[in-house]
Amino acid sequence: MKTRITELFGIEHPIIQGGMQWVGRAELVSAVSNAGGLGILTGLTQPTPEDLSKEIARTKGMTDKPFAVNLTILPTLRPVPYQEYADVIAESGVKIVETAGRSPEPYMPTFKAAGIKVIHKCTSVRHSVKAEAVGCDAVSVDGFECAGHPGEDDIPGLILLPCTADKISVPFVASGGFGDARGLVAALALGADGINMGSRFMCTKEAPIHDNVKQAMVNADERNTQLTNRTLRNTSRVFKNAIADKVIEIEREKGADLKIEDLAEYLSGQRGKVVFEDGNVDHGIWSAGMIVGLINDVPSCADLVSRIVAEAEDIIGKRLANLTGTAA
């Protein structure tokens, strides 16, 4: 299955693993890349640029296939040396970077000088157009269904993807609500060149998170996510648990008087890290997409990718071909 994304990144299948905080480590990244997809290390999971350099080297020791590094650029309470992280990536020999959050424009000279291809995560058509304008080689388009930050426009993938296809010329992947062959075929039909899967790859054997988290996602249905931080216009889709319920309660109580400080105790990323390490699924906030309603098992990355590709080819070559009378 060749698309502009497989050709751009030199991968076998048009399936990309989302760059997830605390999850995108060498074990998962190498497994996805070895399966023919594109694994993505999460840069800021590593506490320092030096640690990221070591994790890149560790990943290279586990796969000889292409993989990427995610660099999420956001305002933080404690300053993050983004340029130092960018320099480490450029010096590492990695040839693909996924950027997210703010515009990657300040770091594009660093990446381009190193021959790095940049794919930027966007939640709107206008942001995709801007990413292309600043020199990104591809974009990843997050619909309202996605885990983490879906933006503030609330546009689902069914509309967002073809709208994006009409406005940009660079390749793009569909993100948010994808986890099986039906999603891949739909994304291709809507104009995308592949899919990005985060939550689905969390529920794999190689994902470095506690089995309790994986089982909670397997047991969940499509209603088991919540939107938090809407009052602050910093919307985040997370798994529905006790802490998420508490955040929603505080948002309702405070209303227009809400301040980020009112939620800081509950939104701490360290709480989410403990969830993944210890398996207490109610200890903190953790991102999950609506795709949890379609996650029913915990396969290896190799089995998951091969299953999706085989079933997608079957849908295209048989079911859809039968509808048009063109089946072999």
C-alpha atoms as a PDB file:
ATOM      1  CA  MET A   1       0.000   0.000   0.000  1.00  0.00           C
ATOM      2  CA  LYS A   2       1.988   2.967  -1.292  1.00  0.00           C
ATOM      3  CA  THR A   3       0.983   6.546  -0.508  1.00  0.00           C
ATOM      4  CA  ARG A   4       2.752   9.897  -0.474  1.00  0.00           C
ATOM      5  CA  ILE A   5       3.470   9.331   3.240  1.00  0.00           C
ATOM      6  CA  THR A   6       5.152   5.947   2.757  1.00  0.00           C
ATOM      7  CA  GLU A   7       7.295   7.437   0.007  1.00  0.00           C
ATOM      8  CA  LEU A   8       8.142  10.595   1.968  1.00  0.00           C
ATOM      9  CA  PHE A   9       9.260   8.754   5.081  1.00  0.00           C
ATOM     10  CA  GLY A  10      10.560   5.546   3.527  1.00  0.00           C
ATOM     11  CA  ILE A  11       8.175   3.274   5.439  1.00  0.00           C
ATOM     12  CA  GLU A  12       6.291   0.183   4.358  1.00  0.00           C
ATOM     13  CA  HIS A  13       2.788   0.985   5.628  1.00  0.00           C
ATOM     14  CA  PRO A  14       0.944   4.336   5.957  1.00  0.00           C
ATOM     15  CA  ILE A  15       0.575   3.955   9.725  1.00  0.00           C
ATOM     16  CA  ILE A  16       2.219   6.313  12.216  1.00  0.00           C
ATOM     17  CA  GLN A  17       2.415   5.965  16.001  1.00  0.00           C
ATOM     18  CA  GLY A  18       1.441   9.114  17.865  1.00  0.00           C
ATOM     19  CA  GLY A  19       4.090  10.887  19.930  1.00  0.00           C
ATOM     20  CA  MET A  20       2.667  10.349  23.426  1.00  0.00           C
ATOM     21  CA  GLN A  21       4.087  11.713  26.682  1.00  0.00           C
ATOM     22  CA  TRP A  22       5.535   8.930  28.892  1.00  0.00           C
ATOM     23  CA  VAL A  23       4.573   6.328  26.243  1.00  0.00           C
ATOM     24  CA  GLY A  24       6.745   7.095  23.211  1.00  0.00           C
ATOM     25  CA  ARG A  25       9.872   5.301  24.393  1.00  0.00           C
ATOM     26  CA  ALA A  26      12.352   3.099  22.548  1.00  0.00           C
ATOM     27  CA  GLU A  27      10.471  -0.168  23.159  1.00  0.00           C
ATOM     28  CA  LEU A  28       7.256   0.981  21.482  1.00  0.00           C
ATOM     29  CA  VAL A  29       8.901   3.130  18.821  1.00  0.00           C
ATOM     30  CA  SER A  30      11.199   0.380  17.587  1.00  0.00           C
ATOM     31  CA  ALA A  31       8.350  -2.170  17.575  1.00  0.00           C
ATOM     32  CA  VAL A  32       6.175   0.068  15.382  1.00  0.00           C
ATOM     33  CA  SER A  33       9.010   0.827  12.981  1.00  0.00           C
ATOM     34  CA  ASN A  34      10.020  -2.826  12.797  1.00  0.00           C
ATOM     35  CA  ALA A  35       6.398  -3.609  11.925  1.00  0.00           C
ATOM     36  CA  GLY A  36       6.648  -1.327   8.891  1.00  0.00           C
ATOM     37  CA  GLY A  37       5.034   1.775  10.355  1.00  0.00           C
ATOM     38  CA  LEU A  38       6.657   4.940  11.703  1.00  0.00           C
ATOM     39  CA  GLY A  39       7.432   4.955  15.415  1.00  0.00           C
ATOM     40  CA  ILE A  40       7.793   8.308  17.163  1.00  0.00           C
ATOM     41  CA  LEU A  41       9.897   9.000  20.259  1.00  0.00           C
ATOM     42  CA  THR A  42       8.405  11.646  22.528  1.00  0.00           C
ATOM     43  CA  GLY A  43      11.208  14.135  23.027  1.00  0.00           C
ATOM     44  CA  LEU A  44       9.975  15.770  26.226  1.00  0.00           C
ATOM     45  CA  THR A  45       9.395  12.421  27.930  1.00  0.00           C
ATOM     46  CA  GLN A  46      13.157  12.624  28.364  1.00  0.00           C
ATOM     47  CA  PRO A  47      13.992  15.104  31.160  1.00  0.00           C
ATOM     48  CA  THR A  48      16.995  16.662  29.399  1.00  0.00           C
ATOM     49  CA  PRO A  49      18.344  16.975  25.861  1.00  0.00           C
ATOM     50  CA  GLU A  50      21.187  14.666  26.895  1.00  0.00           C
ATOM     51  CA  ASP A  51      18.680  12.020  27.965  1.00  0.00           C
ATOM     52  CA  LEU A  52      16.929  12.338  24.614  1.00  0.00           C
ATOM     53  CA  SER A  53      20.243  11.741  22.851  1.00  0.00           C
ATOM     54  CA  LYS A  54      20.657   8.514  24.835  1.00  0.00           C
ATOM     55  CA  GLU A  55      17.085   7.394  24.060  1.00  0.00           C
ATOM     56  CA  ILE A  56      17.615   8.008  20.343  1.00  0.00           C
ATOM     57  CA  ALA A  57      20.765   5.877  20.492  1.00  0.00           C
ATOM     58  CA  ARG A  58      18.864   3.170  22.379  1.00  0.00           C
ATOM     59  CA  THR A  59      16.144   3.170  19.723  1.00  0.00           C
ATOM     60  CA  LYS A  60      18.735   2.882  16.949  1.00  0.00           C
ATOM     61  CA  GLY A  61      20.032  -0.208  18.714  1.00  0.00           C
ATOM     62  CA  MET A  62      16.552  -1.773  18.488  1.00  0.00           C
ATOM     63  CA  THR A  63      15.616  -0.951  14.877  1.00  0.00           C
ATOM     64  CA  ASP A  64      17.317  -0.118  11.605  1.00  0.00           C
ATOM     65  CA  LYS A  65      14.057   1.251  10.172  1.00  0.00           C
ATOM     66  CA  PRO A  66      13.061   4.940  10.016  1.00  0.00           C
ATOM     67  CA  PHE A  67      11.654   6.500  13.183  1.00  0.00           C
ATOM     68  CA  ALA A  68      10.854  10.053  14.218  1.00  0.00           C
ATOM     69  CA  VAL A  69      11.129  12.288  17.284  1.00  0.00           C
ATOM     70  CA  ASN A  70       8.245  14.417  18.543  1.00  0.00           C
ATOM     71  CA  LEU A  71       8.955  17.924  19.833  1.00  0.00           C
ATOM     72  CA  THR A  72       5.891  19.546  21.391  1.00  0.00           C
ATOM     73  CA  ILE A  73       6.325  23.307  21.744  1.00  0.00           C
ATOM     74  CA  LEU A  74       4.046  24.746  24.421  1.00  0.00           C
ATOM     75  CA  PRO A  75       4.178  27.457  27.101  1.00  0.00           C
ATOM     76  CA  THR A  76       5.241  25.873  30.400  1.00  0.00           C
ATOM     77  CA  LEU A  77       5.547  26.954  34.021  1.00  0.00           C
ATOM     78  CA  ARG A  78       9.208  25.914  33.930  1.00  0.00           C
ATOM     79  CA  PRO A  79      11.207  26.996  30.840  1.00  0.00           C
ATOM     80  CA  VAL A  80      12.038  24.173  28.416  1.00  0.00           C
ATOM     81  CA  PRO A  81      15.247  24.444  26.331  1.00  0.00           C
ATOM     82  CA  TYR A  82      13.483  23.700  23.049  1.00  0.00           C
ATOM     83  CA  GLN A  83      16.404  24.790  20.894  1.00  0.00           C
ATOM     84  CA  GLU A  84      18.712  22.418  22.752  1.00  0.00           C
ATOM     85  CA  TYR A  85      16.297  19.549  22.149  1.00  0.00           C
ATOM     86  CA  ALA A  86      16.123  20.550  18.474  1.00  0.00           C
ATOM     87  CA  ASP A  87      19.921  20.617  18.270  1.00  0.00           C
ATOM     88  CA  VAL A  88      20.186  17.134  19.777  1.00  0.00           C
ATOM     89  CA  ILE A  89      17.672  15.793  17.256  1.00  0.00           C
ATOM     90  CA  ALA A  90      19.546  17.422  14.375  1.00  0.00           C
ATOM     91  CA  GLU A  91      22.881  16.043  15.539  1.00  0.00           C
ATOM     92  CA  SER A  92      21.511  12.530  16.147  1.00  0.00           C
ATOM     93  CA  GLY A  93      21.015  11.597  12.525  1.00  0.00           C
ATOM     94  CA  VAL A  94      17.255  11.183  12.902  1.00  0.00           C
ATOM     95  CA  LYS A  95      15.669  12.295   9.626  1.00  0.00           C
ATOM     96  CA  ILE A  96      12.029  12.812  10.642  1.00  0.00           C
ATOM     97  CA  VAL A  97      10.582  15.152  13.279  1.00  0.00           C
ATOM     98  CA  GLU A  98       6.983  15.551  14.383  1.00  0.00           C
ATOM     99  CA  THR A  99       6.295  18.987  15.843  1.00  0.00           C
ATOM    100  CA  ALA A 100       3.195  19.975  17.787  1.00  0.00           C
ATOM    101  CA  GLY A 101       1.803  22.868  19.798  1.00  0.00           C
ATOM    102  CA  ARG A 102       3.110  26.211  18.597  1.00  0.00           C
ATOM    103  CA  SER A 103       4.456  26.850  15.115  1.00  0.00           C
ATOM    104  CA  PRO A 104       7.734  25.041  14.385  1.00  0.00           C
ATOM    105  CA  GLU A 105       8.943  27.990  12.296  1.00  0.00           C
ATOM    106  CA  PRO A 106      11.719  29.070  14.734  1.00  0.00           C
ATOM    107  CA  TYR A 107      13.252  25.589  14.566  1.00  0.00           C
ATOM    108  CA  MET A 108      12.853  24.935  10.851  1.00  0.00           C
ATOM    109  CA  PRO A 109      16.354  26.247   9.946  1.00  0.00           C
ATOM    110  CA  THR A 110      17.891  23.762  12.401  1.00  0.00           C
ATOM    111  CA  PHE A 111      15.902  20.852  11.027  1.00  0.00           C
ATOM    112  CA  LYS A 112      16.291  21.744   7.365  1.00  0.00           C
ATOM    113  CA  ALA A 113      20.047  22.211   7.684  1.00  0.00           C
ATOM    114  CA  ALA A 114      20.208  18.627   8.966  1.00  0.00           C
ATOM    115  CA  GLY A 115      18.093  17.272   6.107  1.00  0.00           C
ATOM    116  CA  ILE A 116      15.184  16.480   8.427  1.00  0.00           C
ATOM    117  CA  LYS A 117      11.614  16.113   7.150  1.00  0.00           C
ATOM    118  CA  VAL A 118       9.064  17.824   9.408  1.00  0.00           C
ATOM    119  CA  ILE A 119       5.457  16.763   9.979  1.00  0.00           C
ATOM    120  CA  HIS A 120       3.425  19.186  12.095  1.00  0.00           C
ATOM    121  CA  LYS A 121       0.331  18.259  14.129  1.00  0.00           C
ATOM    122  CA  CYS A 122      -2.637  20.530  13.378  1.00  0.00           C
ATOM    123  CA  THR A 123      -6.222  20.741  14.615  1.00  0.00           C
ATOM    124  CA  SER A 124      -7.597  23.004  11.901  1.00  0.00           C
ATOM    125  CA  VAL A 125      -7.371  23.707   8.193  1.00  0.00           C
ATOM    126  CA  ARG A 126      -5.863  27.152   8.801  1.00  0.00           C
ATOM    127  CA  HIS A 127      -3.063  25.680  10.897  1.00  0.00           C
ATOM    128  CA  SER A 128      -2.353  23.091   8.203  1.00  0.00           C
ATOM    129  CA  VAL A 129      -2.113  25.840   5.590  1.00  0.00           C
ATOM    130  CA  LYS A 130       0.293  27.759   7.859  1.00  0.00           C
ATOM    131  CA  ALA A 131       2.425  24.647   8.446  1.00  0.00           C
ATOM    132  CA  GLU A 132       2.816  24.167   4.710  1.00  0.00           C
ATOM    133  CA  ALA A 133       3.677  27.844   4.297  1.00  0.00           C
ATOM    134  CA  VAL A 134       6.541  27.699   6.837  1.00  0.00           C
ATOM    135  CA  GLY A 135       8.087  24.700   5.064  1.00  0.00           C
ATOM    136  CA  CYS A 136       6.697  21.596   6.756  1.00  0.00           C
ATOM    137  CA  ASP A 137       6.925  18.534   4.530  1.00  0.00           C
ATOM    138  CA  ALA A 138       3.666  17.032   5.822  1.00  0.00           C
ATOM    139  CA  VAL A 139       0.961  17.582   8.424  1.00  0.00           C
ATOM    140  CA  SER A 140      -0.935  15.383  10.851  1.00  0.00           C
ATOM    141  CA  VAL A 141      -4.557  16.493  11.145  1.00  0.00           C
ATOM    142  CA  ASP A 142      -6.228  15.912  14.524  1.00  0.00           C
ATOM    143  CA  GLY A 143     -10.005  15.746  14.522  1.00  0.00           C
ATOM    144  CA  PHE A 144     -12.324  16.328  17.489  1.00  0.00           C
ATOM    145  CA  GLU A 145     -12.191  12.589  18.318  1.00  0.00           C
ATOM    146  CA  CYS A 146      -8.493  12.628  19.210  1.00  0.00           C
ATOM    147  CA  ALA A 147      -6.801  12.111  22.551  1.00  0.00           C
ATOM    148  CA  GLY A 148      -5.072  15.103  24.082  1.00  0.00           C
ATOM    149  CA  HIS A 149      -5.693  18.533  22.565  1.00  0.00           C
ATOM    150  CA  PRO A 150      -8.325  18.637  19.784  1.00  0.00           C
ATOM    151  CA  GLY A 151      -8.283  22.430  19.510  1.00  0.00           C
ATOM    152  CA  GLU A 152     -11.310  24.612  20.080  1.00  0.00           C
ATOM    153  CA  ASP A 153     -13.217  24.271  16.792  1.00  0.00           C
ATOM    154  CA  ASP A 154     -14.839  20.875  17.541  1.00  0.00           C
ATOM    155  CA  ILE A 155     -14.627  19.702  13.923  1.00  0.00           C
ATOM    156  CA  PRO A 156     -14.720  15.896  13.535  1.00  0.00           C
ATOM    157  CA  GLY A 157     -12.483  14.067  11.099  1.00  0.00           C
ATOM    158  CA  LEU A 158     -15.257  13.323   8.626  1.00  0.00           C
ATOM    159  CA  ILE A 159     -15.359  17.045   7.793  1.00  0.00           C
ATOM    160  CA  LEU A 160     -11.869  18.187   8.774  1.00  0.00           C
ATOM    161  CA  LEU A 161      -9.976  15.749   6.552  1.00  0.00           C
ATOM    162  CA  PRO A 162     -11.569  16.549   3.174  1.00  0.00           C
ATOM    163  CA  CYS A 163     -11.559  20.260   4.027  1.00  0.00           C
ATOM    164  CA  THR A 164      -7.812  19.980   4.621  1.00  0.00           C
ATOM    165  CA  ALA A 165      -7.285  17.982   1.429  1.00  0.00           C
ATOM    166  CA  ASP A 166      -8.899  20.805  -0.518  1.00  0.00           C
ATOM    167  CA  LYS A 167      -6.530  23.438   0.901  1.00  0.00           C
ATOM    168  CA  ILE A 168      -3.029  21.966   1.088  1.00  0.00           C
ATOM    169  CA  SER A 169      -0.727  20.195  -1.332  1.00  0.00           C
ATOM    170  CA  VAL A 170       1.711  18.461   1.040  1.00  0.00           C
ATOM    171  CA  PRO A 171       0.951  14.902   2.231  1.00  0.00           C
ATOM    172  CA  PHE A 172      -1.061  14.545   5.418  1.00  0.00           C
ATOM    173  CA  VAL A 173      -2.135  11.850   7.833  1.00  0.00           C
ATOM    174  CA  ALA A 174      -5.452  11.551   9.652  1.00  0.00           C
ATOM    175  CA  SER A 175      -5.355  11.509  13.438  1.00  0.00           C
ATOM    176  CA  GLY A 176      -8.087  11.079  16.022  1.00  0.00           C
ATOM    177  CA  GLY A 177     -10.476   8.137  15.949  1.00  0.00           C
ATOM    178  CA  PHE A 178      -8.272   5.715  14.012  1.00  0.00           C
ATOM    179  CA  GLY A 179      -7.418   2.220  15.153  1.00  0.00           C
ATOM    180  CA  ASP A 180      -8.483  -0.352  12.602  1.00  0.00           C
ATOM    181  CA  ALA A 181      -8.647  -1.145   8.888  1.00  0.00           C
ATOM    182  CA  ARG A 182     -11.977   0.593   8.399  1.00  0.00           C
ATOM    183  CA  GLY A 183     -10.475   3.817   9.688  1.00  0.00           C
ATOM    184  CA  LEU A 184      -7.468   3.528   7.391  1.00  0.00           C
ATOM    185  CA  VAL A 185      -9.630   2.984   4.312  1.00  0.00           C
ATOM    186  CA  ALA A 186     -11.933   5.853   5.325  1.00  0.00           C
ATOM    187  CA  ALA A 187      -8.989   8.204   5.853  1.00  0.00           C
ATOM    188  CA  LEU A 188      -7.598   7.398   2.418  1.00  0.00           C
ATOM    189  CA  ALA A 189     -11.036   7.950   0.870  1.00  0.00           C
ATOM    190  CA  LEU A 190     -11.285  11.346   2.582  1.00  0.00           C
ATOM    191  CA  GLY A 191      -8.001  12.504   1.045  1.00  0.00           C
ATOM    192  CA  ALA A 192      -5.414  11.589   3.694  1.00  0.00           C
ATOM    193  CA  ASP A 193      -2.236   9.661   2.895  1.00  0.00           C
ATOM    194  CA  GLY A 194      -2.228   7.538   6.039  1.00  0.00           C
ATOM    195  CA  ILE A 195      -3.270   7.433   9.687  1.00  0.00           C
ATOM    196  CA  ASN A 196      -1.768   8.361  13.024  1.00  0.00           C
ATOM    197  CA  MET A 197      -2.722   6.111  15.966  1.00  0.00           C
ATOM    198  CA  GLY A 198      -2.025   6.981  19.595  1.00  0.00           C
ATOM    199  CA  SER A 199      -4.518   5.271  21.888  1.00  0.00           C
ATOM    200  CA  ARG A 200      -4.546   2.131  19.728  1.00  0.00           C
ATOM    201  CA  PHE A 201      -0.765   1.756  20.095  1.00  0.00           C
ATOM    202  CA  MET A 202      -1.064   2.251  23.863  1.00  0.00           C
ATOM    203  CA  CYS A 203      -2.939  -1.060  23.870  1.00  0.00           C
ATOM    204  CA  THR A 204      -0.099  -3.151  22.486  1.00  0.00           C
ATOM    205  CA  LYS A 205       2.270  -5.543  24.213  1.00  0.00           C
ATOM    206  CA  GLU A 206       5.257  -3.265  23.669  1.00  0.00           C
ATOM    207  CA  ALA A 207       3.673  -0.078  25.045  1.00  0.00           C
ATOM    208  CA  PRO A 208       5.650   0.745  28.241  1.00  0.00           C
ATOM    209  CA  ILE A 209       2.607   1.343  30.453  1.00  0.00           C
ATOM    210  CA  HIS A 210       0.901  -0.704  33.155  1.00  0.00           C
ATOM    211  CA  ASP A 211      -1.438  -3.498  32.074  1.00  0.00           C
ATOM    212  CA  ASN A 212      -4.222  -1.967  34.202  1.00  0.00           C
ATOM    213  CA  VAL A 213      -4.271   1.036  31.877  1.00  0.00           C
ATOM    214  CA  LYS A 214      -4.401  -1.149  28.785  1.00  0.00           C
ATOM    215  CA  GLN A 215      -7.218  -3.251  30.250  1.00  0.00           C
ATOM    216  CA  ALA A 216      -9.195  -0.141  31.235  1.00  0.00           C
ATOM    217  CA  MET A 217      -9.052   0.997  27.608  1.00  0.00           C
ATOM    218  CA  VAL A 218     -10.047  -2.447  26.315  1.00  0.00           C
ATOM    219  CA  ASN A 219     -13.033  -2.473  28.694  1.00  0.00           C
ATOM    220  CA  ALA A 220     -14.084   1.069  27.767  1.00  0.00           C
ATOM    221  CA  ASP A 221     -16.643   2.103  25.189  1.00  0.00           C
ATOM    222  CA  GLU A 222     -16.845   5.215  23.022  1.00  0.00           C
ATOM    223  CA  ARG A 223     -18.344   7.235  25.902  1.00  0.00           C
ATOM    224  CA  ASN A 224     -15.432   6.747  28.291  1.00  0.00           C
ATOM    225  CA  THR A 225     -13.541   9.957  27.515  1.00  0.00           C
ATOM    226  CA  GLN A 226     -14.085  13.464  28.836  1.00  0.00           C
ATOM    227  CA  LEU A 227     -13.227  16.967  27.678  1.00  0.00           C
ATOM    228  CA  THR A 228     -11.467  18.965  30.381  1.00  0.00           C
ATOM    229  CA  ASN A 229     -10.118  22.544  30.457  1.00  0.00           C
ATOM    230  CA  ARG A 230     -12.861  23.787  28.133  1.00  0.00           C
ATOM    231  CA  THR A 231     -13.403  26.815  30.366  1.00  0.00           C
ATOM    232  CA  LEU A 232      -9.761  27.804  29.867  1.00  0.00           C
ATOM    233  CA  ARG A 233      -9.962  27.227  26.107  1.00  0.00           C
ATOM    234  CA  ASN A 234      -7.235  24.638  26.422  1.00  0.00           C
ATOM    235  CA  THR A 235      -9.461  21.636  25.783  1.00  0.00           C
ATOM    236  CA  SER A 236      -8.042  18.186  26.422  1.00  0.00           C
ATOM    237  CA  ARG A 237      -9.659  14.796  25.814  1.00  0.00           C
ATOM    238  CA  VAL A 238      -8.790  12.368  28.601  1.00  0.00           C
ATOM    239  CA  PHE A 239      -9.929   9.017  29.927  1.00  0.00           C
ATOM    240  CA  LYS A 240     -13.015   9.344  32.120  1.00  0.00           C
ATOM    241  CA  ASN A 241     -11.929   8.648  35.703  1.00  0.00           C
ATOM    242  CA  ALA A 242     -12.215  10.103  39.208  1.00  0.00           C
ATOM    243  CA  ILE A 243      -9.693  12.894  38.611  1.00  0.00           C
ATOM    244  CA  ALA A 244     -11.275  13.906  35.301  1.00  0.00           C
ATOM    245  CA  ASP A 245     -14.651  14.069  37.066  1.00  0.00           C
ATOM    246  CA  LYS A 246     -13.110  16.285  39.762  1.00  0.00           C
ATOM    247  CA  VAL A 247     -11.680  18.665  37.150  1.00  0.00           C
ATOM    248  CA  ILE A 248     -15.086  18.963  35.462  1.00  0.00           C
ATOM    249  CA  GLU A 249     -16.702  19.614  38.847  1.00  0.00           C
ATOM    250  CA  ILE A 250     -14.274  22.454  39.614  1.00  0.00           C
ATOM    251  CA  GLU A 251     -14.795  23.953  36.150  1.00  0.00           C
ATOM    252  CA  ARG A 252     -18.551  24.033  36.718  1.00  0.00           C
ATOM    253  CA  GLU A 253     -18.220  25.503  40.202  1.00  0.00           C
ATOM    254  CA  LYS A 254     -15.768  28.255  39.236  1.00  0.00           C
ATOM    255  CA  GLY A 255     -17.247  29.118  35.855  1.00  0.00           C
ATOM    256  CA  ALA A 256     -15.799  32.303  34.409  1.00  0.00           C
ATOM    257  CA  ASP A 257     -13.669  32.800  37.541  1.00  0.00           C
ATOM    258  CA  LEU A 258     -11.661  29.641  36.900  1.00  0.00           C
ATOM    259  CA  LYS A 259      -7.869  29.965  36.881  1.00  0.00           C
ATOM    260  CA  ILE A 260      -5.317  27.362  35.866  1.00  0.00           C
ATOM    261  CA  GLU A 261      -4.093  27.350  39.469  1.00  0.00           C
ATOM    262  CA  ASP A 262      -7.466  25.900  40.512  1.00  0.00           C
ATOM    263  CA  LEU A 263      -6.740  22.797  38.447  1.00  0.00           C
ATOM    264  CA  ALA A 264      -2.954  22.523  38.661  1.00  0.00           C
ATOM    265  CA  GLU A 265      -3.020  19.885  41.420  1.00  0.00           C
ATOM    266  CA  TYR A 266      -5.124  17.570  39.279  1.00  0.00           C
ATOM    267  CA  LEU A 267      -3.611  18.256  35.863  1.00  0.00           C
ATOM    268  CA  SER A 268      -0.033  17.480  36.884  1.00  0.00           C
ATOM    269  CA  GLY A 269       1.744  15.397  34.292  1.00  0.00           C
ATOM    270  CA  GLN A 270       3.503  13.601  37.122  1.00  0.00           C
ATOM    271  CA  ARG A 271       0.146  12.189  38.215  1.00  0.00           C
ATOM    272  CA  GLY A 272      -0.335  10.738  34.738  1.00  0.00           C
ATOM    273  CA  LYS A 273       3.157   9.267  34.845  1.00  0.00           C
ATOM    274  CA  VAL A 274       2.283   7.446  38.077  1.00  0.00           C
ATOM    275  CA  VAL A 275      -0.866   6.050  36.422  1.00  0.00           C
ATOM    276  CA  PHE A 276       1.223   4.515  33.659  1.00  0.00           C
ATOM    277  CA  GLU A 277       3.880   3.188  36.045  1.00  0.00           C
ATOM    278  CA  ASP A 278       1.777   1.901  38.960  1.00  0.00           C
ATOM    279  CA  GLY A 279      -1.527   1.110  37.267  1.00  0.00           C
ATOM    280  CA  ASN A 280      -3.828   3.135  39.551  1.00  0.00           C
ATOM    281  CA  VAL A 281      -6.075   4.408  36.763  1.00  0.00           C
ATOM    282  CA  ASP A 282      -7.774   6.977  39.036  1.00  0.00           C
ATOM    283  CA  HIS A 283      -4.589   8.597  40.310  1.00  0.00           C
ATOM    284  CA  GLY A 284      -4.289  11.225  37.594  1.00  0.00           C
ATOM    285  CA  ILE A 285      -5.310  12.591  34.216  1.00  0.00           C
ATOM    286  CA  TRP A 286      -4.253  10.586  31.147  1.00  0.00           C
ATOM    287  CA  SER A 287      -5.061  11.136  27.504  1.00  0.00           C
ATOM    288  CA  ALA A 288      -7.278   8.744  25.562  1.00  0.00           C
ATOM    289  CA  GLY A 289      -9.256   9.132  22.360  1.00  0.00           C
ATOM    290  CA  MET A 290     -12.778   8.085  21.470  1.00  0.00           C
ATOM    291  CA  ILE A 291     -11.238   5.149  19.583  1.00  0.00           C
ATOM    292  CA  VAL A 292     -11.214   3.279  22.920  1.00  0.00           C
ATOM    293  CA  GLY A 293     -14.701   2.162  21.882  1.00  0.00           C
ATOM    294  CA  LEU A 294     -13.095   0.085  19.115  1.00  0.00           C
ATOM    295  CA  ILE A 295     -10.142  -1.317  21.072  1.00  0.00           C
ATOM    296  CA  ASN A 296     -10.822  -4.908  22.111  1.00  0.00           C
ATOM    297  CA  ASP A 297      -7.412  -6.545  22.535  1.00  0.00           C
ATOM    298  CA  VAL A 298      -3.719  -6.031  23.300  1.00  0.00           C
ATOM    299  CA  PRO A 299      -1.750  -7.454  20.354  1.00  0.00           C
ATOM    300  CA  SER A 300       1.894  -6.987  19.472  1.00  0.00           C
ATOM    301  CA  CYS A 301       2.648  -4.015  17.221  1.00  0.00           C
ATOM    302  CA  ALA A 302       3.596  -6.408  14.426  1.00  0.00           C
ATOM    303  CA  ASP A 303       0.284  -8.257  14.670  1.00  0.00           C
ATOM    304  CA  LEU A 304      -1.713  -5.022  14.891  1.00  0.00           C
ATOM    305  CA  VAL A 305      -0.088  -3.380  11.863  1.00  0.00           C
ATOM    306  CA  SER A 306      -0.225  -6.483   9.700  1.00  0.00           C
ATOM    307  CA  ARG A 307      -3.883  -7.040  10.636  1.00  0.00           C
ATOM    308  CA  ILE A 308      -4.874  -3.490   9.770  1.00  0.00           C
ATOM    309  CA  VAL A 309      -3.075  -3.588   6.430  1.00  0.00           C
ATOM    310  CA  ALA A 310      -4.439  -7.016   5.454  1.00  0.00           C
ATOM    311  CA  GLU A 311      -8.008  -6.081   6.385  1.00  0.00           C
ATOM    312  CA  ALA A 312      -7.730  -2.725   4.607  1.00  0.00           C
ATOM    313  CA  GLU A 313      -6.571  -4.420   1.427  1.00  0.00           C
ATOM    314  CA  ASP A 314      -9.486  -6.845   1.765  1.00  0.00           C
ATOM    315  CA  ILE A 315     -11.997  -4.002   2.164  1.00  0.00           C
ATOM    316  CA  ILE A 316     -10.611  -2.153  -0.854  1.00  0.00           C
ATOM    317  CA  GLY A 317     -10.089  -5.195  -3.051  1.00  0.00           C
ATOM    318  CA  LYS A 318     -13.294  -7.068  -2.241  1.00  0.00           C
ATOM    319  CA  ARG A 319     -16.070  -5.178  -0.439  1.00  0.00           C
ATOM    320  CA  LEU A 320     -15.657  -1.849  -2.198  1.00  0.00           C
ATOM    321  CA  ALA A 321     -14.710  -3.482  -5.498  1.00  0.00           C
ATOM    322  CA  ASN A 322     -17.858  -5.579  -5.358  1.00  0.00           C
ATOM    323  CA  LEU A 323     -19.941  -2.437  -5.016  1.00  0.00           C
ATOM    324  CA  THR A 324     -18.559  -1.148  -8.301  1.00  0.00           C
ATOM    325  CA  GLY A 325     -18.372  -4.494 -10.053  1.00  0.00           C
ATOM    326  CA  THR A 326     -14.581  -4.322 -10.365  1.00  0.00           C
ATOM    327  CA  ALA A 327     -13.617  -7.168  -8.007  1.00  0.00           C
ATOM    328  CA  ALA A 328     -11.084  -9.613  -9.403  1.00  0.00           C
END
